[in-house]
Every structure is written in structure tokens, then in C-alpha cells.
């Protein structure tokens, strides 16, 4: 539910928040693309996530048995990369029907994420370490390509006078 909530809020209010700070969609596209590219490169190298939390968050986690919201949902699943993707995709939509369909897709993906987490241990046992490493690297390559495409689109619009 936390993943769905964060992504839905980002889809509906992200562009207004960027406007408040004076950030154009194209600048955000380049920044978000760079972030997604770095995440993809990290996955290609098989590195562990560089997402960290402050000492106060660590203490709060130690006091709780449930880690589903922090750090699992936020920032690992609904982190800066996912939020960037959602804001940029929501920006392409003009009509409320498109936004409603997009919100439905976010909810569907959140349900799929829950299902995958529900069967994660069984999947890990079936795939094994090598299978997980192969899947991680393939997804890292796809993520890197998405990041490069976002950056190319943003730079094309930002630097259109130079071309």
C-alpha cells in the first residue's frame, strides 16, 4: 500500500511540485535519467543497493518488527527512480481518463509487487544465486537503457537551439 500511495501521489502532484521549485520537466528528465542510469550500472556490476538511512531511521527500524514501509517500500521500491519514472510518464498525459488509467496501472503494479514479495523465497530457491544474478544484470541493462533514453529526450529539448 505504501508503494501505491507514494507513486500515486507522485503521479498526481509531481509536476506541480517541480513547478514550485522552478524545475522544468526536461531538466527533471535529465536528472532522473542520470539517477536511473546509475542504478542500472550498479545492478550490472552486481553491487548491493547504495540506499542508506540515517541513524534515526535505523533506530526506528530496530524498534519495529515490520520493515514494510521503511526501508522496503520507501526508498527501495518507491524511491527516486520510480518516482522519476512516474512523474515523467504522468507528464505525457493530457486527459483525466489517461490519468485514471495510469493510476489503475500503478495500483496493478503495486499488487504485482506484493505478489512477487509473497512468493519471493520460493522464487529465490528455484532460481538460485546464479539465476538471481542473471536476472539482476538483465534488469540493470534495461534500466540503464531507460535512463539513457530519458537523458537523451531531456537534452534534446533543453539544447534544441544547439542542434
C-alpha atoms as a PDB file:
ATOM      1  CA  UNK A   1       0.000   0.000   0.000  1.00  0.00           C
ATOM      2  CA  UNK A   2       2.894   2.361   0.726  1.00  0.00           C
ATOM      3  CA  UNK A   3       4.355   1.839  -2.759  1.00  0.00           C
ATOM      4  CA  UNK A   4       0.978   2.557  -4.376  1.00  0.00           C
ATOM      5  CA  UNK A   5       0.419   5.635  -2.193  1.00  0.00           C
ATOM      6  CA  UNK A   6       3.835   7.177  -2.912  1.00  0.00           C
ATOM      7  CA  UNK A   7       3.612   6.559  -6.650  1.00  0.00           C
ATOM      8  CA  UNK A   8       0.023   7.792  -6.926  1.00  0.00           C
ATOM      9  CA  UNK A   9       0.850  10.978  -5.029  1.00  0.00           C
ATOM     10  CA  UNK A  10       3.884  11.458  -7.289  1.00  0.00           C
ATOM     11  CA  UNK A  11       1.792  10.958 -10.419  1.00  0.00           C
ATOM     12  CA  UNK A  12      -0.860  13.464  -9.371  1.00  0.00           C
ATOM     13  CA  UNK A  13       1.284  16.141  -7.718  1.00  0.00           C
ATOM     14  CA  UNK A  14       4.817  15.629  -9.051  1.00  0.00           C
ATOM     15  CA  UNK A  15       4.675  18.126 -11.899  1.00  0.00           C
ATOM     16  CA  UNK A  16       3.194  20.830  -9.654  1.00  0.00           C
ATOM     17  CA  UNK A  17       5.951  20.224  -7.103  1.00  0.00           C
ATOM     18  CA  UNK A  18       8.598  20.567  -9.796  1.00  0.00           C
ATOM     19  CA  UNK A  19       6.954  23.799 -10.961  1.00  0.00           C
ATOM     20  CA  UNK A  20       7.017  25.118  -7.395  1.00  0.00           C
ATOM     21  CA  UNK A  21      10.789  24.682  -7.336  1.00  0.00           C
ATOM     22  CA  UNK A  22      11.199  26.030 -10.868  1.00  0.00           C
ATOM     23  CA  UNK A  23      12.381  22.718 -12.309  1.00  0.00           C
ATOM     24  CA  UNK A  24      11.360  22.005 -15.891  1.00  0.00           C
ATOM     25  CA  UNK A  25      10.244  18.566 -16.955  1.00  0.00           C
ATOM     26  CA  UNK A  26      13.199  18.362 -19.334  1.00  0.00           C
ATOM     27  CA  UNK A  27      15.707  19.152 -16.569  1.00  0.00           C
ATOM     28  CA  UNK A  28      13.984  16.583 -14.357  1.00  0.00           C
ATOM     29  CA  UNK A  29      14.095  14.115 -17.247  1.00  0.00           C
ATOM     30  CA  UNK A  30      17.892  14.507 -17.472  1.00  0.00           C
ATOM     31  CA  UNK A  31      18.370  14.283 -13.691  1.00  0.00           C
ATOM     32  CA  UNK A  32      16.006  11.343 -13.298  1.00  0.00           C
ATOM     33  CA  UNK A  33      17.588   9.628 -16.288  1.00  0.00           C
ATOM     34  CA  UNK A  34      21.032  10.003 -14.754  1.00  0.00           C
ATOM     35  CA  UNK A  35      19.797   8.528 -11.490  1.00  0.00           C
ATOM     36  CA  UNK A  36      18.137   5.595 -13.264  1.00  0.00           C
ATOM     37  CA  UNK A  37      21.286   5.049 -15.365  1.00  0.00           C
ATOM     38  CA  UNK A  38      23.420   4.902 -12.211  1.00  0.00           C
ATOM     39  CA  UNK A  39      21.027   2.413 -10.635  1.00  0.00           C
ATOM     40  CA  UNK A  40      21.193   0.260 -13.772  1.00  0.00           C
ATOM     41  CA  UNK A  41      25.000   0.374 -13.843  1.00  0.00           C
ATOM     42  CA  UNK A  42      25.074  -0.635 -10.184  1.00  0.00           C
ATOM     43  CA  UNK A  43      22.855  -3.625 -10.986  1.00  0.00           C
ATOM     44  CA  UNK A  44      25.056  -4.588 -13.955  1.00  0.00           C
ATOM     45  CA  UNK A  45      28.071  -4.682 -11.644  1.00  0.00           C
ATOM     46  CA  UNK A  46      26.172  -6.765  -9.111  1.00  0.00           C
ATOM     47  CA  UNK A  47      26.631  -4.198  -6.356  1.00  0.00           C
ATOM     48  CA  UNK A  48      24.373  -4.050  -3.372  1.00  0.00           C
ATOM     49  CA  UNK A  49      21.967  -1.154  -3.155  1.00  0.00           C
ATOM     50  CA  UNK A  50      23.569   2.112  -2.120  1.00  0.00           C
ATOM     51  CA  UNK A  51      20.339   3.243  -0.457  1.00  0.00           C
ATOM     52  CA  UNK A  52      21.171   4.213   3.084  1.00  0.00           C
ATOM     53  CA  UNK A  53      19.273   5.506   6.054  1.00  0.00           C
ATOM     54  CA  UNK A  54      20.203   7.898   8.806  1.00  0.00           C
ATOM     55  CA  UNK A  55      20.829   6.777  12.412  1.00  0.00           C
ATOM     56  CA  UNK A  56      17.335   7.920  13.482  1.00  0.00           C
ATOM     57  CA  UNK A  57      15.751   5.735  10.811  1.00  0.00           C
ATOM     58  CA  UNK A  58      17.966   2.808  11.822  1.00  0.00           C
ATOM     59  CA  UNK A  59      16.838   3.223  15.427  1.00  0.00           C
ATOM     60  CA  UNK A  60      13.184   3.345  14.378  1.00  0.00           C
ATOM     61  CA  UNK A  61      13.680   0.180  12.312  1.00  0.00           C
ATOM     62  CA  UNK A  62      15.285  -1.594  15.268  1.00  0.00           C
ATOM     63  CA  UNK A  63      12.271  -0.750  17.413  1.00  0.00           C
ATOM     64  CA  UNK A  64       9.855  -2.257  14.902  1.00  0.00           C
ATOM     65  CA  UNK A  65       9.480  -5.727  13.567  1.00  0.00           C
ATOM     66  CA  UNK A  66       7.742  -4.502  10.402  1.00  0.00           C
ATOM     67  CA  UNK A  67      10.104  -3.094   7.783  1.00  0.00           C
ATOM     68  CA  UNK A  68       7.477  -2.959   5.049  1.00  0.00           C
ATOM     69  CA  UNK A  69       7.292   0.841   4.798  1.00  0.00           C
ATOM     70  CA  UNK A  70      10.872   1.908   5.618  1.00  0.00           C
ATOM     71  CA  UNK A  71      13.203   0.772   4.089  1.00  0.00           C
ATOM     72  CA  UNK A  72      11.386  -1.746   1.865  1.00  0.00           C
ATOM     73  CA  UNK A  73       8.637   0.374   0.273  1.00  0.00           C
ATOM     74  CA  UNK A  74      10.413   3.705   0.652  1.00  0.00           C
ATOM     75  CA  UNK A  75      13.138   4.167  -0.631  1.00  0.00           C
ATOM     76  CA  UNK A  76      13.848   0.742  -2.141  1.00  0.00           C
ATOM     77  CA  UNK A  77      10.705   0.200  -4.241  1.00  0.00           C
ATOM     78  CA  UNK A  78       9.132   3.627  -4.427  1.00  0.00           C
ATOM     79  CA  UNK A  79      12.374   5.529  -4.389  1.00  0.00           C
ATOM     80  CA  UNK A  80      13.732   8.320  -6.507  1.00  0.00           C
ATOM     81  CA  UNK A  81      13.991   6.242  -9.682  1.00  0.00           C
ATOM     82  CA  UNK A  82      10.383   5.036  -9.547  1.00  0.00           C
ATOM     83  CA  UNK A  83       9.125   8.484  -8.600  1.00  0.00           C
ATOM     84  CA  UNK A  84      11.037   9.993 -11.537  1.00  0.00           C
ATOM     85  CA  UNK A  85       9.509   7.482 -13.941  1.00  0.00           C
ATOM     86  CA  UNK A  86       6.009   8.140 -12.645  1.00  0.00           C
ATOM     87  CA  UNK A  87       6.293  11.935 -12.816  1.00  0.00           C
ATOM     88  CA  UNK A  88       7.730  11.838 -16.330  1.00  0.00           C
ATOM     89  CA  UNK A  89       5.102   9.409 -17.604  1.00  0.00           C
ATOM     90  CA  UNK A  90       2.260  11.331 -15.942  1.00  0.00           C
ATOM     91  CA  UNK A  91       3.526  14.492 -17.646  1.00  0.00           C
ATOM     92  CA  UNK A  92       2.771  12.961 -21.064  1.00  0.00           C
ATOM     93  CA  UNK A  93      -0.927  12.649 -20.266  1.00  0.00           C
ATOM     94  CA  UNK A  94      -3.450  15.359 -21.060  1.00  0.00           C
ATOM     95  CA  UNK A  95      -6.878  13.958 -20.261  1.00  0.00           C
ATOM     96  CA  UNK A  96      -8.241  12.772 -16.942  1.00  0.00           C
ATOM     97  CA  UNK A  97      -9.092   9.377 -18.474  1.00  0.00           C
ATOM     98  CA  UNK A  98      -5.402   8.840 -19.190  1.00  0.00           C
ATOM     99  CA  UNK A  99      -4.546   9.781 -15.600  1.00  0.00           C
ATOM    100  CA  UNK A 100      -7.197   7.383 -14.282  1.00  0.00           C
ATOM    101  CA  UNK A 101      -5.824   4.567 -16.441  1.00  0.00           C
ATOM    102  CA  UNK A 102      -2.299   5.411 -15.278  1.00  0.00           C
ATOM    103  CA  UNK A 103      -3.434   5.329 -11.636  1.00  0.00           C
ATOM    104  CA  UNK A 104      -5.021   1.926 -12.293  1.00  0.00           C
ATOM    105  CA  UNK A 105      -1.737   0.716 -13.769  1.00  0.00           C
ATOM    106  CA  UNK A 106       0.159   1.918 -10.679  1.00  0.00           C
ATOM    107  CA  UNK A 107      -2.255   0.018  -8.450  1.00  0.00           C
ATOM    108  CA  UNK A 108      -1.930  -3.094 -10.636  1.00  0.00           C
ATOM    109  CA  UNK A 109       1.867  -2.928 -10.488  1.00  0.00           C
ATOM    110  CA  UNK A 110       1.699  -2.490  -6.707  1.00  0.00           C
ATOM    111  CA  UNK A 111      -0.422  -5.639  -6.451  1.00  0.00           C
ATOM    112  CA  UNK A 112       2.078  -7.495  -8.637  1.00  0.00           C
ATOM    113  CA  UNK A 113       4.910  -6.289  -6.393  1.00  0.00           C
ATOM    114  CA  UNK A 114       3.021  -7.619  -3.368  1.00  0.00           C
ATOM    115  CA  UNK A 115       2.501 -10.971  -5.097  1.00  0.00           C
ATOM    116  CA  UNK A 116       6.175 -11.203  -6.052  1.00  0.00           C
ATOM    117  CA  UNK A 117       7.229 -10.426  -2.473  1.00  0.00           C
ATOM    118  CA  UNK A 118       4.760 -13.026  -1.243  1.00  0.00           C
ATOM    119  CA  UNK A 119       6.471 -15.743  -3.310  1.00  0.00           C
ATOM    120  CA  UNK A 120       9.996 -14.278  -3.153  1.00  0.00           C
ATOM    121  CA  UNK A 121      11.507 -17.034  -1.031  1.00  0.00           C
ATOM    122  CA  UNK A 122      10.179 -19.746  -3.319  1.00  0.00           C
ATOM    123  CA  UNK A 123      11.445 -17.846  -6.369  1.00  0.00           C
ATOM    124  CA  UNK A 124      14.869 -17.440  -4.766  1.00  0.00           C
ATOM    125  CA  UNK A 125      15.042 -21.155  -4.034  1.00  0.00           C
ATOM    126  CA  UNK A 126      14.071 -22.061  -7.612  1.00  0.00           C
ATOM    127  CA  UNK A 127      16.303 -19.531  -9.383  1.00  0.00           C
ATOM    128  CA  UNK A 128      19.326 -19.932  -7.139  1.00  0.00           C
ATOM    129  CA  UNK A 129      22.135 -17.414  -6.822  1.00  0.00           C
ATOM    130  CA  UNK A 130      23.197 -17.665 -10.465  1.00  0.00           C
ATOM    131  CA  UNK A 131      19.630 -17.191 -11.722  1.00  0.00           C
ATOM    132  CA  UNK A 132      19.134 -14.171  -9.486  1.00  0.00           C
ATOM    133  CA  UNK A 133      22.423 -12.651 -10.659  1.00  0.00           C
ATOM    134  CA  UNK A 134      21.467 -13.144 -14.317  1.00  0.00           C
ATOM    135  CA  UNK A 135      18.011 -11.586 -13.756  1.00  0.00           C
ATOM    136  CA  UNK A 136      19.563  -8.652 -11.876  1.00  0.00           C
ATOM    137  CA  UNK A 137      22.021  -7.935 -14.662  1.00  0.00           C
ATOM    138  CA  UNK A 138      19.381  -8.155 -17.396  1.00  0.00           C
ATOM    139  CA  UNK A 139      17.123  -5.777 -15.492  1.00  0.00           C
ATOM    140  CA  UNK A 140      20.118  -3.498 -14.875  1.00  0.00           C
ATOM    141  CA  UNK A 141      20.755  -3.314 -18.617  1.00  0.00           C
ATOM    142  CA  UNK A 142      17.115  -2.445 -19.288  1.00  0.00           C
ATOM    143  CA  UNK A 143      17.149   0.155 -16.512  1.00  0.00           C
ATOM    144  CA  UNK A 144      20.357   1.710 -17.872  1.00  0.00           C
ATOM    145  CA  UNK A 145      18.787   1.957 -21.339  1.00  0.00           C
ATOM    146  CA  UNK A 146      15.692   3.643 -19.890  1.00  0.00           C
ATOM    147  CA  UNK A 147      17.926   6.146 -18.081  1.00  0.00           C
ATOM    148  CA  UNK A 148      19.898   6.943 -21.229  1.00  0.00           C
ATOM    149  CA  UNK A 149      16.682   7.424 -23.217  1.00  0.00           C
ATOM    150  CA  UNK A 150      15.299   9.814 -20.574  1.00  0.00           C
ATOM    151  CA  UNK A 151      18.540  11.796 -20.632  1.00  0.00           C
ATOM    152  CA  UNK A 152      18.599  11.914 -24.447  1.00  0.00           C
ATOM    153  CA  UNK A 153      14.992  13.141 -24.591  1.00  0.00           C
ATOM    154  CA  UNK A 154      15.608  15.780 -21.942  1.00  0.00           C
ATOM    155  CA  UNK A 155      18.844  17.017 -23.501  1.00  0.00           C
ATOM    156  CA  UNK A 156      17.242  17.147 -26.947  1.00  0.00           C
ATOM    157  CA  UNK A 157      14.628  19.569 -25.611  1.00  0.00           C
ATOM    158  CA  UNK A 158      16.979  21.538 -23.361  1.00  0.00           C
ATOM    159  CA  UNK A 159      19.615  22.018 -26.017  1.00  0.00           C
ATOM    160  CA  UNK A 160      17.391  22.256 -29.090  1.00  0.00           C
ATOM    161  CA  UNK A 161      18.996  25.574 -30.055  1.00  0.00           C
ATOM    162  CA  UNK A 162      22.409  23.928 -30.375  1.00  0.00           C
ATOM    163  CA  UNK A 163      21.309  21.246 -32.850  1.00  0.00           C
END
